[in-house]
Amino acid sequence: MKRLLTTLTALGLGAASLFAQSTHIDQISIDTRGTFHQETREGVYDSHFQGDYFNLHILGQLTPSVSFRIRQRLNKKIDDQNPFNATDFLWLKWQATPRWSFTFGKHPILIGGYEIDSAPIDVYYYGAFSNNLYQYYAFGVSATFTPAEGQNVSIQFIPSPISPVSQNAYSYNLYWNGHIGKKWTTTWSYNYVEDEYHRKMNYIALGNKFHLGALVVDVDFINRASFRQKQFFFSDWSLIGKAILTLGKWNLCTKVGYERNDAVNVDENGLSFDLTLPAGNNYLYYGAGVEFFPLGNENLRLHAAYFRDNHATVNNFDLGITWRFKIYGR
């Protein structure tokens, strides 16, 4: 018995030592963006300085097969209803085999499309669909299968992006992040989501990125529908195009989106099936800008961007700066 206890103690101490040796932080970093926002509303000029983002990033490993990531918005309000409102990422990823991984914790709701998939600090303006989601980061679980390098297929069970955080409404997602050939990358998804009234919506989101040398073009198409609608396809949809031309340290950028929901897409009570873009509405938004990277990398970026939409008589013009720095890195 004494020998058994000694053996078990030695094994436990060895496992603890191995775990301690493999647990580490790989990187701690900060990124932030500030803007001088100017606008004309019905011919009246206004302006102000604003801080857009201030993010803390922590990446590391618990074991050789278990990694973690944290992204905390240091300038975002935390409220009683959602104490993790300012936390985008707080997840563990278990790489169970070379082809299978599992993610637990707060991570992105897997909706396809490059506008919604991009880091918010890199987006200057959004469309109605992206803007009107209750949440895009939530506590949930995902499983990812990697059949080949650069090809990932995920299934996800997570709270609904179109329902308040406190409700028991969920989203069931099938997601492909991969590529077709060398110049075409994809972020596609099918999402079966519940809204705050516990009705069901279907999203088919097809995000496509084309790498054409110095020019990169994104084309997103999102079809939204309830099974109770008369027309399932092309009656409630978004089409978004973005292009970035890189010339040395400069990026010339533009983005245009059009979103439409036919007036007939309502339930028996006259309530729109789609809560992100109500029935009978269309939304056109567009803009252009220029980015300059004085250091020749992502650590410092200056930008100027103009944008507007067809719902508000507002011309927006932003001058801003984004900077990133590493506090610690292995």
C-alpha atoms as a PDB file:
ATOM      1  CA  MET A   1       0.000   0.000   0.000  1.00  0.00           C
ATOM      2  CA  LYS A   2       2.822   2.344   0.913  1.00  0.00           C
ATOM      3  CA  ARG A   3       4.575   1.555  -2.384  1.00  0.00           C
ATOM      4  CA  LEU A   4       1.343   2.254  -4.301  1.00  0.00           C
ATOM      5  CA  LEU A   5       0.888   5.604  -2.582  1.00  0.00           C
ATOM      6  CA  THR A   6       4.502   6.507  -3.330  1.00  0.00           C
ATOM      7  CA  THR A   7       4.041   5.576  -6.988  1.00  0.00           C
ATOM      8  CA  LEU A   8       0.809   7.559  -7.306  1.00  0.00           C
ATOM      9  CA  THR A   9       2.404  10.570  -5.616  1.00  0.00           C
ATOM     10  CA  ALA A  10       5.359  10.427  -7.985  1.00  0.00           C
ATOM     11  CA  LEU A  11       3.060  10.170 -10.996  1.00  0.00           C
ATOM     12  CA  GLY A  12       0.994  13.101  -9.762  1.00  0.00           C
ATOM     13  CA  LEU A  13       4.060  15.256  -9.159  1.00  0.00           C
ATOM     14  CA  GLY A  14       5.401  14.311 -12.584  1.00  0.00           C
ATOM     15  CA  ALA A  15       2.129  15.209 -14.295  1.00  0.00           C
ATOM     16  CA  ALA A  16       1.946  18.499 -12.401  1.00  0.00           C
ATOM     17  CA  SER A  17       5.541  19.296 -13.375  1.00  0.00           C
ATOM     18  CA  LEU A  18       4.833  18.476 -17.029  1.00  0.00           C
ATOM     19  CA  PHE A  19       1.664  20.607 -16.985  1.00  0.00           C
ATOM     20  CA  ALA A  20       3.523  23.522 -15.391  1.00  0.00           C
ATOM     21  CA  GLN A  21       6.266  23.318 -17.991  1.00  0.00           C
ATOM     22  CA  SER A  22       3.811  23.290 -20.898  1.00  0.00           C
ATOM     23  CA  THR A  23       1.546  26.074 -19.563  1.00  0.00           C
ATOM     24  CA  HIS A  24       2.688  29.427 -20.880  1.00  0.00           C
ATOM     25  CA  ILE A  25       1.630  32.716 -22.425  1.00  0.00           C
ATOM     26  CA  ASP A  26       2.752  33.128 -26.020  1.00  0.00           C
ATOM     27  CA  GLN A  27       1.813  36.762 -26.521  1.00  0.00           C
ATOM     28  CA  ILE A  28       0.294  39.798 -24.843  1.00  0.00           C
ATOM     29  CA  SER A  29      -0.523  42.736 -27.085  1.00  0.00           C
ATOM     30  CA  ILE A  30      -2.589  45.899 -27.360  1.00  0.00           C
ATOM     31  CA  ASP A  31      -4.297  47.524 -30.316  1.00  0.00           C
ATOM     32  CA  THR A  32      -6.254  50.750 -30.412  1.00  0.00           C
ATOM     33  CA  ARG A  33      -7.945  53.087 -32.883  1.00  0.00           C
ATOM     34  CA  GLY A  34      -8.881  56.740 -32.529  1.00  0.00           C
ATOM     35  CA  THR A  35     -10.796  58.920 -34.982  1.00  0.00           C
ATOM     36  CA  PHE A  36     -11.592  62.527 -35.753  1.00  0.00           C
ATOM     37  CA  HIS A  37     -15.161  62.108 -37.002  1.00  0.00           C
ATOM     38  CA  GLN A  38     -16.766  64.749 -39.193  1.00  0.00           C
ATOM     39  CA  GLU A  39     -20.230  64.777 -40.699  1.00  0.00           C
ATOM     40  CA  THR A  40     -22.738  66.927 -42.490  1.00  0.00           C
ATOM     41  CA  ARG A  41     -26.375  66.236 -41.612  1.00  0.00           C
ATOM     42  CA  GLU A  42     -28.867  68.057 -43.848  1.00  0.00           C
ATOM     43  CA  GLY A  43     -26.138  70.545 -44.638  1.00  0.00           C
ATOM     44  CA  VAL A  44     -25.116  71.164 -41.011  1.00  0.00           C
ATOM     45  CA  TYR A  45     -21.474  70.387 -40.151  1.00  0.00           C
ATOM     46  CA  ASP A  46     -20.448  68.707 -36.902  1.00  0.00           C
ATOM     47  CA  SER A  47     -17.258  67.032 -35.656  1.00  0.00           C
ATOM     48  CA  HIS A  48     -15.680  65.387 -32.628  1.00  0.00           C
ATOM     49  CA  PHE A  49     -12.755  63.227 -31.554  1.00  0.00           C
ATOM     50  CA  GLN A  50     -13.570  59.680 -30.465  1.00  0.00           C
ATOM     51  CA  GLY A  51     -11.836  56.540 -29.263  1.00  0.00           C
ATOM     52  CA  ASP A  52     -13.117  53.575 -31.257  1.00  0.00           C
ATOM     53  CA  TYR A  53     -11.270  50.562 -29.834  1.00  0.00           C
ATOM     54  CA  PHE A  54      -8.817  49.690 -27.088  1.00  0.00           C
ATOM     55  CA  ASN A  55      -8.225  45.934 -27.028  1.00  0.00           C
ATOM     56  CA  LEU A  56      -6.086  43.644 -24.900  1.00  0.00           C
ATOM     57  CA  HIS A  57      -5.018  40.323 -26.487  1.00  0.00           C
ATOM     58  CA  ILE A  58      -3.604  37.326 -24.605  1.00  0.00           C
ATOM     59  CA  LEU A  59      -2.664  34.064 -26.321  1.00  0.00           C
ATOM     60  CA  GLY A  60      -1.155  30.986 -24.727  1.00  0.00           C
ATOM     61  CA  GLN A  61      -1.248  27.271 -24.001  1.00  0.00           C
ATOM     62  CA  LEU A  62      -2.301  25.139 -21.048  1.00  0.00           C
ATOM     63  CA  THR A  63      -0.823  21.978 -22.544  1.00  0.00           C
ATOM     64  CA  PRO A  64       0.712  21.164 -25.930  1.00  0.00           C
ATOM     65  CA  SER A  65      -2.792  20.349 -27.211  1.00  0.00           C
ATOM     66  CA  VAL A  66      -4.875  22.943 -25.317  1.00  0.00           C
ATOM     67  CA  SER A  67      -4.523  26.615 -26.257  1.00  0.00           C
ATOM     68  CA  PHE A  68      -6.417  29.697 -25.084  1.00  0.00           C
ATOM     69  CA  ARG A  69      -7.169  33.185 -26.346  1.00  0.00           C
ATOM     70  CA  ILE A  70      -8.550  36.324 -24.709  1.00  0.00           C
ATOM     71  CA  ARG A  71      -9.599  39.585 -26.349  1.00  0.00           C
ATOM     72  CA  GLN A  72     -10.911  42.183 -23.937  1.00  0.00           C
ATOM     73  CA  ARG A  73     -12.285  45.570 -25.028  1.00  0.00           C
ATOM     74  CA  LEU A  74     -10.972  47.923 -22.380  1.00  0.00           C
ATOM     75  CA  ASN A  75     -13.221  50.801 -23.465  1.00  0.00           C
ATOM     76  CA  LYS A  76     -16.540  48.915 -23.649  1.00  0.00           C
ATOM     77  CA  LYS A  77     -19.244  49.068 -20.977  1.00  0.00           C
ATOM     78  CA  ILE A  78     -19.920  46.027 -18.785  1.00  0.00           C
ATOM     79  CA  ASP A  79     -23.526  45.711 -17.595  1.00  0.00           C
ATOM     80  CA  ASP A  80     -25.354  43.517 -15.087  1.00  0.00           C
ATOM     81  CA  GLN A  81     -27.321  41.668 -17.765  1.00  0.00           C
ATOM     82  CA  ASN A  82     -24.160  40.732 -19.648  1.00  0.00           C
ATOM     83  CA  PRO A  83     -21.041  40.866 -17.424  1.00  0.00           C
ATOM     84  CA  PHE A  84     -18.901  39.599 -20.329  1.00  0.00           C
ATOM     85  CA  ASN A  85     -20.181  42.247 -22.728  1.00  0.00           C
ATOM     86  CA  ALA A  86     -16.685  43.707 -23.168  1.00  0.00           C
ATOM     87  CA  THR A  87     -15.078  40.296 -23.747  1.00  0.00           C
ATOM     88  CA  ASP A  88     -14.919  39.124 -27.374  1.00  0.00           C
ATOM     89  CA  PHE A  89     -12.735  36.041 -26.917  1.00  0.00           C
ATOM     90  CA  LEU A  90     -12.393  33.853 -23.854  1.00  0.00           C
ATOM     91  CA  TRP A  91     -11.956  30.356 -25.164  1.00  0.00           C
ATOM     92  CA  LEU A  92     -10.055  27.105 -24.871  1.00  0.00           C
ATOM     93  CA  LYS A  93      -9.200  25.092 -27.979  1.00  0.00           C
ATOM     94  CA  TRP A  94      -8.398  21.390 -27.679  1.00  0.00           C
ATOM     95  CA  GLN A  95      -6.495  19.986 -30.655  1.00  0.00           C
ATOM     96  CA  ALA A  96      -7.639  16.412 -30.088  1.00  0.00           C
ATOM     97  CA  THR A  97      -6.017  15.010 -33.256  1.00  0.00           C
ATOM     98  CA  PRO A  98      -4.249  16.588 -36.228  1.00  0.00           C
ATOM     99  CA  ARG A  99      -7.651  16.818 -37.933  1.00  0.00           C
ATOM    100  CA  TRP A 100     -10.098  17.399 -35.094  1.00  0.00           C
ATOM    101  CA  SER A 101     -10.275  20.338 -32.694  1.00  0.00           C
ATOM    102  CA  PHE A 102     -12.893  21.512 -30.193  1.00  0.00           C
ATOM    103  CA  THR A 103     -13.457  25.072 -28.946  1.00  0.00           C
ATOM    104  CA  PHE A 104     -15.207  25.931 -25.680  1.00  0.00           C
ATOM    105  CA  GLY A 105     -15.992  29.402 -24.349  1.00  0.00           C
ATOM    106  CA  LYS A 106     -16.731  32.805 -25.831  1.00  0.00           C
ATOM    107  CA  HIS A 107     -15.829  32.955 -29.501  1.00  0.00           C
ATOM    108  CA  PRO A 108     -17.335  34.238 -32.770  1.00  0.00           C
ATOM    109  CA  ILE A 109     -20.740  33.006 -33.872  1.00  0.00           C
ATOM    110  CA  LEU A 110     -19.827  31.304 -37.148  1.00  0.00           C
ATOM    111  CA  ILE A 111     -21.698  33.312 -39.779  1.00  0.00           C
ATOM    112  CA  GLY A 112     -20.030  33.418 -43.195  1.00  0.00           C
ATOM    113  CA  GLY A 113     -19.010  36.614 -44.949  1.00  0.00           C
ATOM    114  CA  TYR A 114     -15.881  38.724 -44.799  1.00  0.00           C
ATOM    115  CA  GLU A 115     -17.533  41.938 -43.583  1.00  0.00           C
ATOM    116  CA  ILE A 116     -18.760  40.308 -40.399  1.00  0.00           C
ATOM    117  CA  ASP A 117     -15.702  38.044 -40.073  1.00  0.00           C
ATOM    118  CA  SER A 118     -13.180  40.895 -40.118  1.00  0.00           C
ATOM    119  CA  ALA A 119     -11.758  42.238 -36.858  1.00  0.00           C
ATOM    120  CA  PRO A 120     -13.930  45.251 -35.916  1.00  0.00           C
ATOM    121  CA  ILE A 121     -10.868  47.478 -35.554  1.00  0.00           C
ATOM    122  CA  ASP A 122     -10.265  47.016 -39.297  1.00  0.00           C
ATOM    123  CA  VAL A 123     -13.825  47.927 -40.385  1.00  0.00           C
ATOM    124  CA  TYR A 124     -14.803  51.582 -40.819  1.00  0.00           C
ATOM    125  CA  TYR A 125     -18.536  51.099 -41.529  1.00  0.00           C
ATOM    126  CA  TYR A 126     -21.039  48.219 -41.556  1.00  0.00           C
ATOM    127  CA  GLY A 127     -24.305  47.344 -43.255  1.00  0.00           C
ATOM    128  CA  ALA A 128     -27.693  46.881 -41.598  1.00  0.00           C
ATOM    129  CA  PHE A 129     -27.402  43.115 -41.109  1.00  0.00           C
ATOM    130  CA  SER A 130     -24.066  43.300 -39.299  1.00  0.00           C
ATOM    131  CA  ASN A 131     -25.060  46.386 -37.303  1.00  0.00           C
ATOM    132  CA  ASN A 132     -28.381  44.986 -36.074  1.00  0.00           C
ATOM    133  CA  LEU A 133     -27.187  41.690 -34.616  1.00  0.00           C
ATOM    134  CA  TYR A 134     -27.574  41.581 -30.836  1.00  0.00           C
ATOM    135  CA  GLN A 135     -24.204  39.834 -30.531  1.00  0.00           C
ATOM    136  CA  TYR A 136     -21.479  38.284 -32.646  1.00  0.00           C
ATOM    137  CA  TYR A 137     -19.387  36.782 -29.819  1.00  0.00           C
ATOM    138  CA  ALA A 138     -20.992  34.342 -27.393  1.00  0.00           C
ATOM    139  CA  PHE A 139     -20.290  31.427 -25.057  1.00  0.00           C
ATOM    140  CA  GLY A 140     -20.749  28.162 -26.930  1.00  0.00           C
ATOM    141  CA  VAL A 141     -19.062  25.053 -28.323  1.00  0.00           C
ATOM    142  CA  SER A 142     -17.626  24.265 -31.747  1.00  0.00           C
ATOM    143  CA  ALA A 143     -16.057  21.228 -33.386  1.00  0.00           C
ATOM    144  CA  THR A 144     -13.765  21.632 -36.395  1.00  0.00           C
ATOM    145  CA  PHE A 145     -12.616  18.993 -38.893  1.00  0.00           C
ATOM    146  CA  THR A 146      -9.600  19.736 -41.103  1.00  0.00           C
ATOM    147  CA  PRO A 147      -9.635  17.320 -44.055  1.00  0.00           C
ATOM    148  CA  ALA A 148      -6.691  19.078 -45.715  1.00  0.00           C
ATOM    149  CA  GLU A 149      -4.384  22.003 -45.017  1.00  0.00           C
ATOM    150  CA  GLY A 150      -6.286  25.284 -45.270  1.00  0.00           C
ATOM    151  CA  GLN A 151      -9.703  23.586 -45.301  1.00  0.00           C
ATOM    152  CA  ASN A 152     -11.797  23.665 -42.114  1.00  0.00           C
ATOM    153  CA  VAL A 153     -15.376  22.504 -41.600  1.00  0.00           C
ATOM    154  CA  SER A 154     -17.012  23.432 -38.291  1.00  0.00           C
ATOM    155  CA  ILE A 155     -20.278  22.728 -36.513  1.00  0.00           C
ATOM    156  CA  GLN A 156     -21.344  25.017 -33.692  1.00  0.00           C
ATOM    157  CA  PHE A 157     -24.001  25.228 -30.966  1.00  0.00           C
ATOM    158  CA  ILE A 158     -24.158  28.734 -29.537  1.00  0.00           C
ATOM    159  CA  PRO A 159     -26.633  31.449 -28.440  1.00  0.00           C
ATOM    160  CA  SER A 160     -28.510  33.200 -31.222  1.00  0.00           C
ATOM    161  CA  PRO A 161     -26.993  36.364 -32.716  1.00  0.00           C
ATOM    162  CA  ILE A 162     -30.487  37.892 -33.098  1.00  0.00           C
ATOM    163  CA  SER A 163     -31.807  37.343 -29.580  1.00  0.00           C
ATOM    164  CA  PRO A 164     -30.957  39.158 -26.328  1.00  0.00           C
ATOM    165  CA  VAL A 165     -28.133  37.545 -24.378  1.00  0.00           C
ATOM    166  CA  SER A 166     -30.379  36.571 -21.453  1.00  0.00           C
ATOM    167  CA  GLN A 167     -32.790  34.461 -23.540  1.00  0.00           C
ATOM    168  CA  ASN A 168     -32.623  30.728 -24.238  1.00  0.00           C
ATOM    169  CA  ALA A 169     -32.511  31.120 -28.020  1.00  0.00           C
ATOM    170  CA  TYR A 170     -29.779  29.355 -29.968  1.00  0.00           C
ATOM    171  CA  SER A 171     -28.034  29.141 -33.301  1.00  0.00           C
ATOM    172  CA  TYR A 172     -27.005  25.895 -35.019  1.00  0.00           C
ATOM    173  CA  ASN A 173     -24.216  26.552 -37.493  1.00  0.00           C
ATOM    174  CA  LEU A 174     -22.382  24.683 -40.231  1.00  0.00           C
ATOM    175  CA  TYR A 175     -19.321  26.585 -41.441  1.00  0.00           C
ATOM    176  CA  TRP A 176     -16.604  26.157 -44.065  1.00  0.00           C
ATOM    177  CA  ASN A 177     -13.453  28.250 -44.008  1.00  0.00           C
ATOM    178  CA  GLY A 178     -11.199  27.242 -46.868  1.00  0.00           C
ATOM    179  CA  HIS A 179     -10.157  27.920 -50.428  1.00  0.00           C
ATOM    180  CA  ILE A 180     -10.891  26.982 -54.024  1.00  0.00           C
ATOM    181  CA  GLY A 181      -7.587  27.044 -55.836  1.00  0.00           C
ATOM    182  CA  LYS A 182      -4.837  29.480 -54.918  1.00  0.00           C
ATOM    183  CA  LYS A 183      -6.633  32.799 -55.461  1.00  0.00           C
ATOM    184  CA  TRP A 184     -10.114  32.163 -54.047  1.00  0.00           C
ATOM    185  CA  THR A 185     -10.648  31.825 -50.284  1.00  0.00           C
ATOM    186  CA  THR A 186     -14.010  31.256 -48.642  1.00  0.00           C
ATOM    187  CA  THR A 187     -15.980  31.697 -45.443  1.00  0.00           C
ATOM    188  CA  TRP A 188     -19.370  30.045 -46.077  1.00  0.00           C
ATOM    189  CA  SER A 189     -22.047  29.036 -43.598  1.00  0.00           C
ATOM    190  CA  TYR A 190     -25.545  27.714 -43.098  1.00  0.00           C
ATOM    191  CA  ASN A 191     -27.114  29.056 -39.884  1.00  0.00           C
ATOM    192  CA  TYR A 192     -30.415  27.971 -38.329  1.00  0.00           C
ATOM    193  CA  VAL A 193     -31.158  30.675 -35.758  1.00  0.00           C
ATOM    194  CA  GLU A 194     -33.910  31.492 -33.259  1.00  0.00           C
ATOM    195  CA  ASP A 195     -35.018  35.073 -32.710  1.00  0.00           C
ATOM    196  CA  GLU A 196     -36.294  36.642 -29.484  1.00  0.00           C
ATOM    197  CA  TYR A 197     -39.840  35.403 -30.295  1.00  0.00           C
ATOM    198  CA  HIS A 198     -38.477  31.864 -30.791  1.00  0.00           C
ATOM    199  CA  ARG A 199     -39.218  31.901 -34.491  1.00  0.00           C
ATOM    200  CA  LYS A 200     -36.645  30.258 -36.777  1.00  0.00           C
ATOM    201  CA  MET A 201     -34.590  31.873 -39.527  1.00  0.00           C
ATOM    202  CA  ASN A 202     -32.223  30.385 -42.080  1.00  0.00           C
ATOM    203  CA  TYR A 203     -29.058  32.132 -43.222  1.00  0.00           C
ATOM    204  CA  ILE A 204     -26.989  31.042 -46.201  1.00  0.00           C
ATOM    205  CA  ALA A 205     -23.882  33.234 -46.037  1.00  0.00           C
ATOM    206  CA  LEU A 206     -21.273  32.997 -48.794  1.00  0.00           C
ATOM    207  CA  GLY A 207     -18.134  35.052 -48.229  1.00  0.00           C
ATOM    208  CA  ASN A 208     -15.581  35.035 -51.044  1.00  0.00           C
ATOM    209  CA  LYS A 209     -12.152  36.666 -51.209  1.00  0.00           C
ATOM    210  CA  PHE A 210     -10.233  36.880 -54.491  1.00  0.00           C
ATOM    211  CA  HIS A 211      -6.478  37.489 -54.366  1.00  0.00           C
ATOM    212  CA  LEU A 212      -5.510  39.182 -57.632  1.00  0.00           C
ATOM    213  CA  GLY A 213      -1.965  40.321 -56.998  1.00  0.00           C
ATOM    214  CA  ALA A 214      -2.003  43.825 -55.523  1.00  0.00           C
ATOM    215  CA  LEU A 215      -5.810  43.831 -55.671  1.00  0.00           C
ATOM    216  CA  VAL A 216      -7.946  41.902 -53.155  1.00  0.00           C
ATOM    217  CA  VAL A 217     -11.707  41.735 -53.736  1.00  0.00           C
ATOM    218  CA  ASP A 218     -14.347  40.491 -51.258  1.00  0.00           C
ATOM    219  CA  VAL A 219     -17.835  39.479 -52.394  1.00  0.00           C
ATOM    220  CA  ASP A 220     -20.357  38.481 -49.701  1.00  0.00           C
ATOM    221  CA  PHE A 221     -23.859  37.199 -50.400  1.00  0.00           C
ATOM    222  CA  ILE A 222     -26.272  36.429 -47.545  1.00  0.00           C
ATOM    223  CA  ASN A 223     -29.731  34.939 -48.100  1.00  0.00           C
ATOM    224  CA  ARG A 224     -32.071  35.150 -45.092  1.00  0.00           C
ATOM    225  CA  ALA A 225     -35.407  33.345 -44.952  1.00  0.00           C
ATOM    226  CA  SER A 226     -38.035  31.739 -42.773  1.00  0.00           C
ATOM    227  CA  PHE A 227     -39.559  28.454 -43.917  1.00  0.00           C
ATOM    228  CA  ARG A 228     -42.884  30.263 -43.571  1.00  0.00           C
ATOM    229  CA  GLN A 229     -42.035  32.808 -46.284  1.00  0.00           C
ATOM    230  CA  LYS A 230     -43.601  32.464 -49.725  1.00  0.00           C
ATOM    231  CA  GLN A 231     -40.256  32.926 -51.461  1.00  0.00           C
ATOM    232  CA  PHE A 232     -37.196  31.382 -49.812  1.00  0.00           C
ATOM    233  CA  PHE A 233     -34.439  32.715 -52.072  1.00  0.00           C
ATOM    234  CA  PHE A 234     -33.687  36.289 -53.172  1.00  0.00           C
ATOM    235  CA  SER A 235     -36.462  38.039 -51.241  1.00  0.00           C
ATOM    236  CA  ASP A 236     -34.401  38.928 -48.144  1.00  0.00           C
ATOM    237  CA  TRP A 237     -30.721  39.258 -48.908  1.00  0.00           C
ATOM    238  CA  SER A 238     -27.463  41.228 -48.730  1.00  0.00           C
ATOM    239  CA  LEU A 239     -24.788  41.679 -51.390  1.00  0.00           C
ATOM    240  CA  ILE A 240     -21.536  43.324 -50.305  1.00  0.00           C
ATOM    241  CA  GLY A 241     -18.460  44.099 -52.364  1.00  0.00           C
ATOM    242  CA  LYS A 242     -15.120  45.406 -51.099  1.00  0.00           C
ATOM    243  CA  ALA A 243     -11.838  46.071 -52.913  1.00  0.00           C
ATOM    244  CA  ILE A 244      -8.379  46.967 -51.600  1.00  0.00           C
ATOM    245  CA  LEU A 245      -5.547  47.932 -53.951  1.00  0.00           C
ATOM    246  CA  THR A 246      -2.109  47.946 -52.307  1.00  0.00           C
ATOM    247  CA  LEU A 247       0.526  50.318 -53.707  1.00  0.00           C
ATOM    248  CA  GLY A 248       3.648  50.184 -51.567  1.00  0.00           C
ATOM    249  CA  LYS A 249       2.724  51.544 -48.136  1.00  0.00           C
ATOM    250  CA  TRP A 250      -0.690  52.696 -49.356  1.00  0.00           C
ATOM    251  CA  ASN A 251      -4.076  50.965 -49.583  1.00  0.00           C
ATOM    252  CA  LEU A 252      -6.853  52.358 -51.731  1.00  0.00           C
ATOM    253  CA  CYS A 253     -10.164  50.959 -50.433  1.00  0.00           C
ATOM    254  CA  THR A 254     -13.844  50.947 -51.306  1.00  0.00           C
ATOM    255  CA  LYS A 255     -16.917  49.041 -50.119  1.00  0.00           C
ATOM    256  CA  VAL A 256     -20.510  48.993 -51.381  1.00  0.00           C
ATOM    257  CA  GLY A 257     -23.419  46.993 -49.979  1.00  0.00           C
ATOM    258  CA  TYR A 258     -27.075  46.586 -50.910  1.00  0.00           C
ATOM    259  CA  GLU A 259     -29.580  44.811 -48.639  1.00  0.00           C
ATOM    260  CA  ARG A 260     -33.260  44.215 -49.347  1.00  0.00           C
ATOM    261  CA  ASN A 261     -36.227  42.545 -47.649  1.00  0.00           C
ATOM    262  CA  ASP A 262     -39.531  42.287 -49.519  1.00  0.00           C
ATOM    263  CA  ALA A 263     -42.612  43.712 -47.773  1.00  0.00           C
ATOM    264  CA  VAL A 264     -44.452  40.349 -47.875  1.00  0.00           C
ATOM    265  CA  ASN A 265     -41.980  38.661 -45.505  1.00  0.00           C
ATOM    266  CA  VAL A 266     -44.087  39.073 -42.352  1.00  0.00           C
ATOM    267  CA  ASP A 267     -45.866  36.624 -40.066  1.00  0.00           C
ATOM    268  CA  GLU A 268     -49.605  36.455 -39.305  1.00  0.00           C
ATOM    269  CA  ASN A 269     -49.213  39.329 -36.830  1.00  0.00           C
ATOM    270  CA  GLY A 270     -47.514  41.568 -39.364  1.00  0.00           C
ATOM    271  CA  LEU A 271     -44.110  41.190 -37.686  1.00  0.00           C
ATOM    272  CA  SER A 272     -41.109  40.910 -39.994  1.00  0.00           C
ATOM    273  CA  PHE A 273     -39.538  37.453 -40.017  1.00  0.00           C
ATOM    274  CA  ASP A 274     -36.150  39.160 -40.282  1.00  0.00           C
ATOM    275  CA  LEU A 275     -35.376  41.463 -37.349  1.00  0.00           C
ATOM    276  CA  THR A 276     -32.020  42.676 -38.721  1.00  0.00           C
ATOM    277  CA  LEU A 277     -33.550  44.274 -41.832  1.00  0.00           C
ATOM    278  CA  PRO A 278     -37.351  44.606 -41.406  1.00  0.00           C
ATOM    279  CA  ALA A 279     -39.653  43.633 -44.250  1.00  0.00           C
ATOM    280  CA  GLY A 280     -40.291  46.394 -46.762  1.00  0.00           C
ATOM    281  CA  ASN A 281     -36.869  47.972 -46.349  1.00  0.00           C
ATOM    282  CA  ASN A 282     -33.784  48.313 -48.493  1.00  0.00           C
ATOM    283  CA  TYR A 283     -30.402  49.594 -47.397  1.00  0.00           C
ATOM    284  CA  LEU A 284     -27.667  50.924 -49.658  1.00  0.00           C
ATOM    285  CA  TYR A 285     -24.348  51.917 -48.111  1.00  0.00           C
ATOM    286  CA  TYR A 286     -21.084  52.856 -49.729  1.00  0.00           C
ATOM    287  CA  GLY A 287     -17.794  54.565 -49.152  1.00  0.00           C
ATOM    288  CA  ALA A 288     -14.137  54.809 -50.028  1.00  0.00           C
ATOM    289  CA  GLY A 289     -10.910  55.518 -48.240  1.00  0.00           C
ATOM    290  CA  VAL A 290      -7.145  55.424 -48.140  1.00  0.00           C
ATOM    291  CA  GLU A 291      -4.797  53.786 -45.635  1.00  0.00           C
ATOM    292  CA  PHE A 292      -1.114  54.563 -45.099  1.00  0.00           C
ATOM    293  CA  PHE A 293       1.359  52.359 -43.196  1.00  0.00           C
ATOM    294  CA  PRO A 294       4.354  54.596 -42.401  1.00  0.00           C
ATOM    295  CA  LEU A 295       6.363  51.760 -40.809  1.00  0.00           C
ATOM    296  CA  GLY A 296       5.637  49.369 -43.664  1.00  0.00           C
ATOM    297  CA  ASN A 297       3.681  46.982 -41.395  1.00  0.00           C
ATOM    298  CA  GLU A 298       0.418  46.722 -39.424  1.00  0.00           C
ATOM    299  CA  ASN A 299       1.876  48.316 -36.280  1.00  0.00           C
ATOM    300  CA  LEU A 300       0.883  51.822 -37.359  1.00  0.00           C
ATOM    301  CA  ARG A 301      -1.911  52.778 -39.764  1.00  0.00           C
ATOM    302  CA  LEU A 302      -3.359  56.128 -40.755  1.00  0.00           C
ATOM    303  CA  HIS A 303      -6.695  56.255 -42.526  1.00  0.00           C
ATOM    304  CA  ALA A 304      -9.150  58.598 -44.165  1.00  0.00           C
ATOM    305  CA  ALA A 305     -12.605  57.260 -45.013  1.00  0.00           C
ATOM    306  CA  TYR A 306     -15.843  58.670 -46.432  1.00  0.00           C
ATOM    307  CA  PHE A 307     -19.144  56.760 -46.177  1.00  0.00           C
ATOM    308  CA  ARG A 308     -22.898  57.215 -46.182  1.00  0.00           C
ATOM    309  CA  ASP A 309     -26.159  55.301 -46.715  1.00  0.00           C
ATOM    310  CA  ASN A 310     -29.639  55.843 -48.144  1.00  0.00           C
ATOM    311  CA  HIS A 311     -31.423  55.897 -44.754  1.00  0.00           C
ATOM    312  CA  ALA A 312     -29.815  58.961 -43.197  1.00  0.00           C
ATOM    313  CA  THR A 313     -28.930  62.238 -44.855  1.00  0.00           C
ATOM    314  CA  VAL A 314     -25.459  62.100 -43.318  1.00  0.00           C
ATOM    315  CA  ASN A 315     -22.091  62.345 -45.053  1.00  0.00           C
ATOM    316  CA  ASN A 316     -19.414  60.854 -42.792  1.00  0.00           C
ATOM    317  CA  PHE A 317     -15.695  61.577 -43.060  1.00  0.00           C
ATOM    318  CA  ASP A 318     -13.184  60.011 -40.668  1.00  0.00           C
ATOM    319  CA  LEU A 319      -9.502  60.699 -40.115  1.00  0.00           C
ATOM    320  CA  GLY A 320      -7.945  58.162 -37.805  1.00  0.00           C
ATOM    321  CA  ILE A 321      -4.954  56.277 -36.494  1.00  0.00           C
ATOM    322  CA  THR A 322      -4.587  52.625 -35.512  1.00  0.00           C
ATOM    323  CA  TRP A 323      -1.573  51.313 -33.650  1.00  0.00           C
ATOM    324  CA  ARG A 324      -0.573  47.947 -32.300  1.00  0.00           C
ATOM    325  CA  PHE A 325       2.240  46.919 -30.012  1.00  0.00           C
ATOM    326  CA  LYS A 326       3.406  43.741 -28.373  1.00  0.00           C
ATOM    327  CA  ILE A 327       3.867  43.780 -24.599  1.00  0.00           C
ATOM    328  CA  TYR A 328       5.269  40.256 -24.457  1.00  0.00           C
ATOM    329  CA  GLY A 329       6.032  37.532 -26.958  1.00  0.00           C
ATOM    330  CA  ARG A 330       7.841  34.207 -26.773  1.00  0.00           C
END
